[in-house]
Amino acid sequence: FSFYDLPEEIHKKANQTLQKFDKIKEGVKWYQGDHSI
């Protein structure tokens, strides 16, 4: 999961989710996808 300009509270909740799932990590940023829109 990579994060782009997340407000602090949303980023905090995302990290809480990642802590529950050991096969998911914070990833590098990339822009060749629809999130860029």
PDB file of all heavy atoms in Angstrom:
ATOM      1  N   PHE A   1       0.872  -1.170   0.000  1.00  0.00           N
ATOM      2  CA  PHE A   1       0.000   0.000   0.000  1.00  0.00           C
ATOM      3  C   PHE A   1       0.915   1.228   0.000  1.00  0.00           C
ATOM      4  O   PHE A   1       1.764   1.369   0.876  1.00  0.00           O
ATOM      5  CB  PHE A   1      -0.877   0.056   1.252  1.00  0.00           C
ATOM      6  CG  PHE A   1      -1.984  -0.961   1.311  1.00  0.00           C
ATOM      7  CD1 PHE A   1      -2.000  -2.095   0.509  1.00  0.00           C
ATOM      8  CD2 PHE A   1      -3.042  -0.790   2.198  1.00  0.00           C
ATOM      9  CE1 PHE A   1      -3.019  -3.032   0.586  1.00  0.00           C
ATOM     10  CE2 PHE A   1      -4.065  -1.713   2.283  1.00  0.00           C
ATOM     11  CZ  PHE A   1      -4.068  -2.841   1.478  1.00  0.00           C
ATOM     12  N   SER A   2       0.767   2.110  -0.970  1.00  0.00           N
ATOM     13  CA  SER A   2       1.541   3.358  -0.961  1.00  0.00           C
ATOM     14  C   SER A   2       0.590   4.530  -0.764  1.00  0.00           C
ATOM     15  O   SER A   2      -0.564   4.495  -1.205  1.00  0.00           O
ATOM     16  CB  SER A   2       2.359   3.513  -2.243  1.00  0.00           C
ATOM     17  OG  SER A   2       1.564   3.372  -3.399  1.00  0.00           O
ATOM     18  N   PHE A   3       1.087   5.563  -0.098  1.00  0.00           N
ATOM     19  CA  PHE A   3       0.239   6.647   0.381  1.00  0.00           C
ATOM     20  C   PHE A   3       0.634   7.970  -0.265  1.00  0.00           C
ATOM     21  O   PHE A   3       1.823   8.274  -0.432  1.00  0.00           O
ATOM     22  CB  PHE A   3       0.338   6.755   1.902  1.00  0.00           C
ATOM     23  CG  PHE A   3       0.059   5.463   2.619  1.00  0.00           C
ATOM     24  CD1 PHE A   3       0.946   4.990   3.576  1.00  0.00           C
ATOM     25  CD2 PHE A   3      -1.067   4.708   2.324  1.00  0.00           C
ATOM     26  CE1 PHE A   3       0.695   3.797   4.242  1.00  0.00           C
ATOM     27  CE2 PHE A   3      -1.326   3.516   2.976  1.00  0.00           C
ATOM     28  CZ  PHE A   3      -0.440   3.056   3.941  1.00  0.00           C
ATOM     29  N   TYR A   4      -0.394   8.772  -0.598  1.00  0.00           N
ATOM     30  CA  TYR A   4      -0.185  10.028  -1.302  1.00  0.00           C
ATOM     31  C   TYR A   4      -0.994  11.133  -0.631  1.00  0.00           C
ATOM     32  O   TYR A   4      -2.230  11.139  -0.697  1.00  0.00           O
ATOM     33  CB  TYR A   4      -0.604   9.880  -2.776  1.00  0.00           C
ATOM     34  CG  TYR A   4       0.065   8.703  -3.461  1.00  0.00           C
ATOM     35  CD1 TYR A   4      -0.434   7.413  -3.292  1.00  0.00           C
ATOM     36  CD2 TYR A   4       1.206   8.872  -4.225  1.00  0.00           C
ATOM     37  CE1 TYR A   4       0.190   6.324  -3.877  1.00  0.00           C
ATOM     38  CE2 TYR A   4       1.841   7.793  -4.822  1.00  0.00           C
ATOM     39  CZ  TYR A   4       1.328   6.520  -4.635  1.00  0.00           C
ATOM     40  OH  TYR A   4       1.952   5.431  -5.214  1.00  0.00           O
ATOM     41  N   ASP A   5      -0.291  12.010   0.061  1.00  0.00           N
ATOM     42  CA  ASP A   5      -0.889  13.214   0.667  1.00  0.00           C
ATOM     43  C   ASP A   5      -2.013  12.887   1.644  1.00  0.00           C
ATOM     44  O   ASP A   5      -3.020  13.604   1.712  1.00  0.00           O
ATOM     45  CB  ASP A   5      -1.413  14.162  -0.425  1.00  0.00           C
ATOM     46  CG  ASP A   5      -0.328  14.545  -1.423  1.00  0.00           C
ATOM     47  OD1 ASP A   5       0.812  14.761  -0.999  1.00  0.00           O
ATOM     48  OD2 ASP A   5      -0.637  14.616  -2.633  1.00  0.00           O
ATOM     49  N   LEU A   6      -1.852  11.806   2.400  1.00  0.00           N
ATOM     50  CA  LEU A   6      -2.890  11.438   3.362  1.00  0.00           C
ATOM     51  C   LEU A   6      -2.878  12.389   4.551  1.00  0.00           C
ATOM     52  O   LEU A   6      -1.810  12.684   5.107  1.00  0.00           O
ATOM     53  CB  LEU A   6      -2.677  10.015   3.884  1.00  0.00           C
ATOM     54  CG  LEU A   6      -2.774   8.843   2.899  1.00  0.00           C
ATOM     55  CD1 LEU A   6      -2.768   7.528   3.667  1.00  0.00           C
ATOM     56  CD2 LEU A   6      -4.010   8.944   2.036  1.00  0.00           C
ATOM     57  N   PRO A   7      -4.037  12.875   4.987  1.00  0.00           N
ATOM     58  CA  PRO A   7      -4.103  13.598   6.259  1.00  0.00           C
ATOM     59  C   PRO A   7      -3.613  12.699   7.391  1.00  0.00           C
ATOM     60  O   PRO A   7      -3.695  11.472   7.300  1.00  0.00           O
ATOM     61  CB  PRO A   7      -5.591  13.924   6.402  1.00  0.00           C
ATOM     62  CG  PRO A   7      -6.128  13.887   5.007  1.00  0.00           C
ATOM     63  CD  PRO A   7      -5.333  12.821   4.304  1.00  0.00           C
ATOM     64  N   GLU A   8      -3.116  13.310   8.451  1.00  0.00           N
ATOM     65  CA  GLU A   8      -2.484  12.561   9.534  1.00  0.00           C
ATOM     66  C   GLU A   8      -3.403  11.476  10.102  1.00  0.00           C
ATOM     67  O   GLU A   8      -2.962  10.343  10.351  1.00  0.00           O
ATOM     68  CB  GLU A   8      -2.058  13.517  10.644  1.00  0.00           C
ATOM     69  CG  GLU A   8      -1.330  12.843  11.793  1.00  0.00           C
ATOM     70  CD  GLU A   8      -0.873  13.824  12.854  1.00  0.00           C
ATOM     71  OE1 GLU A   8      -0.976  15.044  12.622  1.00  0.00           O
ATOM     72  OE2 GLU A   8      -0.421  13.364  13.928  1.00  0.00           O
ATOM     73  N   GLU A   9      -4.678  11.801  10.305  1.00  0.00           N
ATOM     74  CA  GLU A   9      -5.582  10.834  10.922  1.00  0.00           C
ATOM     75  C   GLU A   9      -5.826   9.629  10.011  1.00  0.00           C
ATOM     76  O   GLU A   9      -5.876   8.482  10.465  1.00  0.00           O
ATOM     77  CB  GLU A   9      -6.915  11.507  11.269  1.00  0.00           C
ATOM     78  CG  GLU A   9      -7.878  10.635  12.068  1.00  0.00           C
ATOM     79  CD  GLU A   9      -7.323  10.177  13.413  1.00  0.00           C
ATOM     80  OE1 GLU A   9      -6.449  10.877  13.970  1.00  0.00           O
ATOM     81  OE2 GLU A   9      -7.755   9.112  13.901  1.00  0.00           O
ATOM     82  N   ILE A  10      -5.963   9.863   8.699  1.00  0.00           N
ATOM     83  CA  ILE A  10      -6.159   8.757   7.764  1.00  0.00           C
ATOM     84  C   ILE A  10      -4.891   7.912   7.681  1.00  0.00           C
ATOM     85  O   ILE A  10      -4.949   6.675   7.646  1.00  0.00           O
ATOM     86  CB  ILE A  10      -6.555   9.286   6.366  1.00  0.00           C
ATOM     87  CG1 ILE A  10      -7.933   9.958   6.424  1.00  0.00           C
ATOM     88  CG2 ILE A  10      -6.570   8.153   5.339  1.00  0.00           C
ATOM     89  CD1 ILE A  10      -8.398  10.530   5.093  1.00  0.00           C
ATOM     90  N   HIS A  11      -3.735   8.577   7.667  1.00  0.00           N
ATOM     91  CA  HIS A  11      -2.471   7.844   7.626  1.00  0.00           C
ATOM     92  C   HIS A  11      -2.323   6.961   8.862  1.00  0.00           C
ATOM     93  O   HIS A  11      -1.864   5.804   8.772  1.00  0.00           O
ATOM     94  CB  HIS A  11      -1.309   8.835   7.539  1.00  0.00           C
ATOM     95  CG  HIS A  11      -0.072   8.253   6.953  1.00  0.00           C
ATOM     96  ND1 HIS A  11       0.908   9.007   6.362  1.00  0.00           N
ATOM     97  CD2 HIS A  11       0.365   6.971   6.851  1.00  0.00           C
ATOM     98  CE1 HIS A  11       1.878   8.235   5.928  1.00  0.00           C
ATOM     99  NE2 HIS A  11       1.573   6.989   6.225  1.00  0.00           N
ATOM    100  N   LYS A  12      -2.717   7.479   9.998  1.00  0.00           N
ATOM    101  CA  LYS A  12      -2.651   6.714  11.250  1.00  0.00           C
ATOM    102  C   LYS A  12      -3.508   5.459  11.153  1.00  0.00           C
ATOM    103  O   LYS A  12      -3.082   4.359  11.543  1.00  0.00           O
ATOM    104  CB  LYS A  12      -3.107   7.593  12.414  1.00  0.00           C
ATOM    105  CG  LYS A  12      -3.122   6.894  13.769  1.00  0.00           C
ATOM    106  CD  LYS A  12      -3.625   7.838  14.845  1.00  0.00           C
ATOM    107  CE  LYS A  12      -3.743   7.117  16.200  1.00  0.00           C
ATOM    108  NZ  LYS A  12      -4.257   8.041  17.249  1.00  0.00           N
ATOM    109  N   LYS A  13      -4.717   5.595  10.637  1.00  0.00           N
ATOM    110  CA  LYS A  13      -5.618   4.435  10.522  1.00  0.00           C
ATOM    111  C   LYS A  13      -5.089   3.422   9.502  1.00  0.00           C
ATOM    112  O   LYS A  13      -5.229   2.210   9.679  1.00  0.00           O
ATOM    113  CB  LYS A  13      -7.026   4.911  10.164  1.00  0.00           C
ATOM    114  CG  LYS A  13      -7.697   5.722  11.278  1.00  0.00           C
ATOM    115  CD  LYS A  13      -9.091   6.158  10.893  1.00  0.00           C
ATOM    116  CE  LYS A  13      -9.704   7.059  11.960  1.00  0.00           C
ATOM    117  NZ  LYS A  13      -9.878   6.383  13.253  1.00  0.00           N
ATOM    118  N   ALA A  14      -4.466   3.925   8.442  1.00  0.00           N
ATOM    119  CA  ALA A  14      -3.871   3.015   7.461  1.00  0.00           C
ATOM    120  C   ALA A  14      -2.760   2.194   8.104  1.00  0.00           C
ATOM    121  O   ALA A  14      -2.653   0.979   7.884  1.00  0.00           O
ATOM    122  CB  ALA A  14      -3.336   3.809   6.276  1.00  0.00           C
ATOM    123  N   ASN A  15      -1.929   2.849   8.900  1.00  0.00           N
ATOM    124  CA  ASN A  15      -0.852   2.128   9.583  1.00  0.00           C
ATOM    125  C   ASN A  15      -1.388   1.111  10.581  1.00  0.00           C
ATOM    126  O   ASN A  15      -0.816   0.024  10.755  1.00  0.00           O
ATOM    127  CB  ASN A  15       0.079   3.117  10.288  1.00  0.00           C
ATOM    128  CG  ASN A  15       0.999   3.834   9.315  1.00  0.00           C
ATOM    129  OD1 ASN A  15       1.349   3.294   8.272  1.00  0.00           O
ATOM    130  ND2 ASN A  15       1.384   5.061   9.655  1.00  0.00           N
ATOM    131  N   GLN A  16      -2.488   1.439  11.241  1.00  0.00           N
ATOM    132  CA  GLN A  16      -3.111   0.482  12.163  1.00  0.00           C
ATOM    133  C   GLN A  16      -3.561  -0.773  11.414  1.00  0.00           C
ATOM    134  O   GLN A  16      -3.407  -1.895  11.908  1.00  0.00           O
ATOM    135  CB  GLN A  16      -4.303   1.144  12.869  1.00  0.00           C
ATOM    136  CG  GLN A  16      -3.900   2.206  13.882  1.00  0.00           C
ATOM    137  CD  GLN A  16      -5.087   2.995  14.401  1.00  0.00           C
ATOM    138  OE1 GLN A  16      -6.198   2.918  13.872  1.00  0.00           O
ATOM    139  NE2 GLN A  16      -4.864   3.765  15.461  1.00  0.00           N
ATOM    140  N   THR A  17      -4.095  -0.584  10.214  1.00  0.00           N
ATOM    141  CA  THR A  17      -4.491  -1.725   9.391  1.00  0.00           C
ATOM    142  C   THR A  17      -3.271  -2.540   8.975  1.00  0.00           C
ATOM    143  O   THR A  17      -3.276  -3.777   9.065  1.00  0.00           O
ATOM    144  CB  THR A  17      -5.265  -1.256   8.143  1.00  0.00           C
ATOM    145  OG1 THR A  17      -6.530  -0.710   8.557  1.00  0.00           O
ATOM    146  CG2 THR A  17      -5.513  -2.409   7.187  1.00  0.00           C
ATOM    147  N   LEU A  18      -2.222  -1.882   8.537  1.00  0.00           N
ATOM    148  CA  LEU A  18      -1.027  -2.606   8.102  1.00  0.00           C
ATOM    149  C   LEU A  18      -0.433  -3.447   9.229  1.00  0.00           C
ATOM    150  O   LEU A  18       0.107  -4.536   8.978  1.00  0.00           O
ATOM    151  CB  LEU A  18       0.023  -1.637   7.572  1.00  0.00           C
ATOM    152  CG  LEU A  18      -0.292  -0.912   6.258  1.00  0.00           C
ATOM    153  CD1 LEU A  18       0.937  -0.155   5.758  1.00  0.00           C
ATOM    154  CD2 LEU A  18      -0.773  -1.864   5.175  1.00  0.00           C
ATOM    155  N   GLN A  19      -0.534  -2.960  10.457  1.00  0.00           N
ATOM    156  CA  GLN A  19       0.006  -3.708  11.600  1.00  0.00           C
ATOM    157  C   GLN A  19      -0.721  -5.029  11.815  1.00  0.00           C
ATOM    158  O   GLN A  19      -0.173  -5.960  12.405  1.00  0.00           O
ATOM    159  CB  GLN A  19      -0.059  -2.852  12.860  1.00  0.00           C
ATOM    160  CG  GLN A  19       0.933  -1.695  12.853  1.00  0.00           C
ATOM    161  CD  GLN A  19       0.707  -0.713  13.990  1.00  0.00           C
ATOM    162  OE1 GLN A  19      -0.065  -0.977  14.918  1.00  0.00           O
ATOM    163  NE2 GLN A  19       1.378   0.432  13.920  1.00  0.00           N
ATOM    164  N   LYS A  20      -1.933  -5.131  11.323  1.00  0.00           N
ATOM    165  CA  LYS A  20      -2.729  -6.362  11.477  1.00  0.00           C
ATOM    166  C   LYS A  20      -2.399  -7.414  10.423  1.00  0.00           C
ATOM    167  O   LYS A  20      -2.719  -8.594  10.612  1.00  0.00           O
ATOM    168  CB  LYS A  20      -4.232  -6.044  11.396  1.00  0.00           C
ATOM    169  CG  LYS A  20      -4.823  -5.373  12.611  1.00  0.00           C
ATOM    170  CD  LYS A  20      -6.320  -5.184  12.450  1.00  0.00           C
ATOM    171  CE  LYS A  20      -7.065  -6.505  12.267  1.00  0.00           C
ATOM    172  NZ  LYS A  20      -8.535  -6.307  12.187  1.00  0.00           N
ATOM    173  N   PHE A  21      -1.788  -7.008   9.323  1.00  0.00           N
ATOM    174  CA  PHE A  21      -1.597  -7.914   8.186  1.00  0.00           C
ATOM    175  C   PHE A  21      -0.110  -7.997   7.859  1.00  0.00           C
ATOM    176  O   PHE A  21       0.461  -7.073   7.264  1.00  0.00           O
ATOM    177  CB  PHE A  21      -2.405  -7.433   6.977  1.00  0.00           C
ATOM    178  CG  PHE A  21      -3.890  -7.480   7.180  1.00  0.00           C
ATOM    179  CD1 PHE A  21      -4.551  -6.421   7.803  1.00  0.00           C
ATOM    180  CD2 PHE A  21      -4.627  -8.593   6.786  1.00  0.00           C
ATOM    181  CE1 PHE A  21      -5.924  -6.472   8.000  1.00  0.00           C
ATOM    182  CE2 PHE A  21      -5.989  -8.647   6.982  1.00  0.00           C
ATOM    183  CZ  PHE A  21      -6.651  -7.593   7.596  1.00  0.00           C
ATOM    184  N   ASP A  22       0.523  -9.102   8.221  1.00  0.00           N
ATOM    185  CA  ASP A  22       1.974  -9.191   8.075  1.00  0.00           C
ATOM    186  C   ASP A  22       2.429  -9.449   6.636  1.00  0.00           C
ATOM    187  O   ASP A  22       3.631  -9.431   6.359  1.00  0.00           O
ATOM    188  CB  ASP A  22       2.556 -10.247   9.023  1.00  0.00           C
ATOM    189  CG  ASP A  22       2.005 -11.656   8.770  1.00  0.00           C
ATOM    190  OD1 ASP A  22       1.191 -11.819   7.829  1.00  0.00           O
ATOM    191  OD2 ASP A  22       2.377 -12.579   9.510  1.00  0.00           O
ATOM    192  N   LYS A  23       1.502  -9.699   5.730  1.00  0.00           N
ATOM    193  CA  LYS A  23       1.862  -9.889   4.320  1.00  0.00           C
ATOM    194  C   LYS A  23       1.635  -8.624   3.492  1.00  0.00           C
ATOM    195  O   LYS A  23       1.704  -8.653   2.262  1.00  0.00           O
ATOM    196  CB  LYS A  23       1.060 -11.041   3.710  1.00  0.00           C
ATOM    197  CG  LYS A  23       1.301 -12.396   4.380  1.00  0.00           C
ATOM    198  CD  LYS A  23       2.732 -12.868   4.221  1.00  0.00           C
ATOM    199  CE  LYS A  23       2.910 -14.266   4.806  1.00  0.00           C
ATOM    200  NZ  LYS A  23       4.327 -14.708   4.725  1.00  0.00           N
ATOM    201  N   ILE A  24       1.363  -7.511   4.178  1.00  0.00           N
ATOM    202  CA  ILE A  24       1.156  -6.234   3.500  1.00  0.00           C
ATOM    203  C   ILE A  24       2.080  -5.206   4.136  1.00  0.00           C
ATOM    204  O   ILE A  24       2.182  -5.118   5.359  1.00  0.00           O
ATOM    205  CB  ILE A  24      -0.308  -5.758   3.607  1.00  0.00           C
ATOM    206  CG1 ILE A  24      -1.275  -6.823   3.090  1.00  0.00           C
ATOM    207  CG2 ILE A  24      -0.503  -4.457   2.833  1.00  0.00           C
ATOM    208  CD1 ILE A  24      -2.743  -6.479   3.275  1.00  0.00           C
ATOM    209  N   LYS A  25       2.752  -4.425   3.297  1.00  0.00           N
ATOM    210  CA  LYS A  25       3.657  -3.413   3.815  1.00  0.00           C
ATOM    211  C   LYS A  25       3.406  -2.083   3.112  1.00  0.00           C
ATOM    212  O   LYS A  25       2.705  -2.013   2.093  1.00  0.00           O
ATOM    213  CB  LYS A  25       5.112  -3.834   3.605  1.00  0.00           C
ATOM    214  CG  LYS A  25       5.561  -3.836   2.150  1.00  0.00           C
ATOM    215  CD  LYS A  25       7.070  -4.088   2.045  1.00  0.00           C
ATOM    216  CE  LYS A  25       7.563  -3.968   0.609  1.00  0.00           C
ATOM    217  NZ  LYS A  25       9.035  -4.111   0.508  1.00  0.00           N
ATOM    218  N   GLU A  26       3.974  -1.010   3.672  1.00  0.00           N
ATOM    219  CA  GLU A  26       3.937   0.258   2.961  1.00  0.00           C
ATOM    220  C   GLU A  26       4.926   0.188   1.804  1.00  0.00           C
ATOM    221  O   GLU A  26       6.086  -0.191   1.986  1.00  0.00           O
ATOM    222  CB  GLU A  26       4.286   1.426   3.878  1.00  0.00           C
ATOM    223  CG  GLU A  26       4.224   2.767   3.154  1.00  0.00           C
ATOM    224  CD  GLU A  26       4.357   3.973   4.057  1.00  0.00           C
ATOM    225  OE1 GLU A  26       4.335   3.803   5.290  1.00  0.00           O
ATOM    226  OE2 GLU A  26       4.482   5.096   3.518  1.00  0.00           O
ATOM    227  N   GLY A  27       4.468   0.528   0.620  1.00  0.00           N
ATOM    228  CA  GLY A  27       5.291   0.384  -0.571  1.00  0.00           C
ATOM    229  C   GLY A  27       5.810   1.704  -1.100  1.00  0.00           C
ATOM    230  O   GLY A  27       5.453   2.788  -0.611  1.00  0.00           O
ATOM    231  N   VAL A  28       6.654   1.619  -2.111  1.00  0.00           N
ATOM    232  CA  VAL A  28       7.202   2.813  -2.747  1.00  0.00           C
ATOM    233  C   VAL A  28       6.118   3.508  -3.560  1.00  0.00           C
ATOM    234  O   VAL A  28       5.152   2.885  -4.020  1.00  0.00           O
ATOM    235  CB  VAL A  28       8.386   2.452  -3.664  1.00  0.00           C
ATOM    236  CG1 VAL A  28       9.516   1.840  -2.853  1.00  0.00           C
ATOM    237  CG2 VAL A  28       7.951   1.494  -4.785  1.00  0.00           C
ATOM    238  N   LYS A  29       6.267   4.809  -3.725  1.00  0.00           N
ATOM    239  CA  LYS A  29       5.307   5.565  -4.524  1.00  0.00           C
ATOM    240  C   LYS A  29       5.513   5.271  -6.013  1.00  0.00           C
ATOM    241  O   LYS A  29       6.635   5.122  -6.483  1.00  0.00           O
ATOM    242  CB  LYS A  29       5.446   7.054  -4.251  1.00  0.00           C
ATOM    243  CG  LYS A  29       4.906   7.494  -2.883  1.00  0.00           C
ATOM    244  CD  LYS A  29       5.032   8.996  -2.727  1.00  0.00           C
ATOM    245  CE  LYS A  29       4.282   9.493  -1.494  1.00  0.00           C
ATOM    246  NZ  LYS A  29       4.802   8.945  -0.240  1.00  0.00           N
ATOM    247  N   TRP A  30       4.412   5.189  -6.735  1.00  0.00           N
ATOM    248  CA  TRP A  30       4.443   5.039  -8.193  1.00  0.00           C
ATOM    249  C   TRP A  30       3.212   5.752  -8.742  1.00  0.00           C
ATOM    250  O   TRP A  30       2.223   5.921  -8.033  1.00  0.00           O
ATOM    251  CB  TRP A  30       4.461   3.564  -8.599  1.00  0.00           C
ATOM    252  CG  TRP A  30       3.281   2.764  -8.094  1.00  0.00           C
ATOM    253  CD1 TRP A  30       3.060   2.342  -6.817  1.00  0.00           C
ATOM    254  CD2 TRP A  30       2.163   2.340  -8.852  1.00  0.00           C
ATOM    255  NE1 TRP A  30       1.865   1.671  -6.733  1.00  0.00           N
ATOM    256  CE2 TRP A  30       1.291   1.649  -7.968  1.00  0.00           C
ATOM    257  CE3 TRP A  30       1.802   2.454 -10.196  1.00  0.00           C
ATOM    258  CZ2 TRP A  30       0.079   1.090  -8.383  1.00  0.00           C
ATOM    259  CZ3 TRP A  30       0.591   1.887 -10.611  1.00  0.00           C
ATOM    260  CH2 TRP A  30      -0.256   1.217  -9.706  1.00  0.00           C
ATOM    261  N   TYR A  31       3.271   6.165  -9.989  1.00  0.00           N
ATOM    262  CA  TYR A  31       2.228   7.060 -10.499  1.00  0.00           C
ATOM    263  C   TYR A  31       1.576   6.577 -11.797  1.00  0.00           C
ATOM    264  O   TYR A  31       0.721   7.270 -12.344  1.00  0.00           O
ATOM    265  CB  TYR A  31       2.820   8.461 -10.705  1.00  0.00           C
ATOM    266  CG  TYR A  31       3.248   9.089  -9.394  1.00  0.00           C
ATOM    267  CD1 TYR A  31       4.555   8.918  -8.923  1.00  0.00           C
ATOM    268  CD2 TYR A  31       2.354   9.811  -8.617  1.00  0.00           C
ATOM    269  CE1 TYR A  31       4.951   9.481  -7.712  1.00  0.00           C
ATOM    270  CE2 TYR A  31       2.741  10.377  -7.406  1.00  0.00           C
ATOM    271  CZ  TYR A  31       4.044  10.199  -6.956  1.00  0.00           C
ATOM    272  OH  TYR A  31       4.419  10.743  -5.748  1.00  0.00           O
ATOM    273  N   GLN A  32       1.944   5.383 -12.281  1.00  0.00           N
ATOM    274  CA  GLN A  32       1.394   4.892 -13.544  1.00  0.00           C
ATOM    275  C   GLN A  32       0.087   4.148 -13.311  1.00  0.00           C
ATOM    276  O   GLN A  32      -0.055   2.976 -13.655  1.00  0.00           O
ATOM    277  CB  GLN A  32       2.417   3.970 -14.237  1.00  0.00           C
ATOM    278  CG  GLN A  32       3.703   4.667 -14.625  1.00  0.00           C
ATOM    279  CD  GLN A  32       4.796   4.513 -13.588  1.00  0.00           C
ATOM    280  OE1 GLN A  32       4.545   4.592 -12.398  1.00  0.00           O
ATOM    281  NE2 GLN A  32       6.025   4.280 -14.026  1.00  0.00           N
ATOM    282  N   GLY A  33      -0.878   4.822 -12.705  1.00  0.00           N
ATOM    283  CA  GLY A  33      -2.167   4.197 -12.417  1.00  0.00           C
ATOM    284  C   GLY A  33      -3.241   5.245 -12.223  1.00  0.00           C
ATOM    285  O   GLY A  33      -2.975   6.457 -12.213  1.00  0.00           O
ATOM    286  N   ASP A  34      -4.475   4.796 -12.041  1.00  0.00           N
ATOM    287  CA  ASP A  34      -5.603   5.713 -11.969  1.00  0.00           C
ATOM    288  C   ASP A  34      -5.616   6.563 -10.701  1.00  0.00           C
ATOM    289  O   ASP A  34      -6.341   7.571 -10.651  1.00  0.00           O
ATOM    290  CB  ASP A  34      -6.917   4.929 -12.081  1.00  0.00           C
ATOM    291  CG  ASP A  34      -7.176   4.434 -13.500  1.00  0.00           C
ATOM    292  OD1 ASP A  34      -6.710   5.096 -14.442  1.00  0.00           O
ATOM    293  OD2 ASP A  34      -7.835   3.388 -13.659  1.00  0.00           O
ATOM    294  N   HIS A  35      -4.846   6.195  -9.680  1.00  0.00           N
ATOM    295  CA  HIS A  35      -4.784   7.061  -8.499  1.00  0.00           C
ATOM    296  C   HIS A  35      -4.211   8.432  -8.857  1.00  0.00           C
ATOM    297  O   HIS A  35      -4.507   9.424  -8.183  1.00  0.00           O
ATOM    298  CB  HIS A  35      -3.959   6.406  -7.380  1.00  0.00           C
ATOM    299  CG  HIS A  35      -2.630   5.890  -7.783  1.00  0.00           C
ATOM    300  ND1 HIS A  35      -2.470   4.782  -8.598  1.00  0.00           N
ATOM    301  CD2 HIS A  35      -1.363   6.313  -7.501  1.00  0.00           C
ATOM    302  CE1 HIS A  35      -1.187   4.557  -8.792  1.00  0.00           C
ATOM    303  NE2 HIS A  35      -0.497   5.471  -8.142  1.00  0.00           N
ATOM    304  N   SER A  36      -3.413   8.508  -9.936  1.00  0.00           N
ATOM    305  CA  SER A  36      -2.841   9.795 -10.333  1.00  0.00           C
ATOM    306  C   SER A  36      -3.920  10.807 -10.722  1.00  0.00           C
ATOM    307  O   SER A  36      -3.727  12.015 -10.566  1.00  0.00           O
ATOM    308  CB  SER A  36      -1.865   9.600 -11.489  1.00  0.00           C
ATOM    309  OG  SER A  36      -0.691   8.952 -11.050  1.00  0.00           O
ATOM    310  N   ILE A  37      -5.046  10.318 -11.257  1.00  0.00           N
ATOM    311  CA  ILE A  37      -6.145  11.220 -11.592  1.00  0.00           C
ATOM    312  C   ILE A  37      -6.604  11.979 -10.356  1.00  0.00           C
ATOM    313  O   ILE A  37      -6.859  13.189 -10.390  1.00  0.00           O
ATOM    314  CB  ILE A  37      -7.329  10.422 -12.183  1.00  0.00           C
ATOM    315  CG1 ILE A  37      -6.928   9.751 -13.486  1.00  0.00           C
ATOM    316  CG2 ILE A  37      -8.550  11.312 -12.379  1.00  0.00           C
ATOM    317  CD1 ILE A  37      -7.968   8.779 -13.990  1.00  0.00           C
TER     318      ILE A  37
END
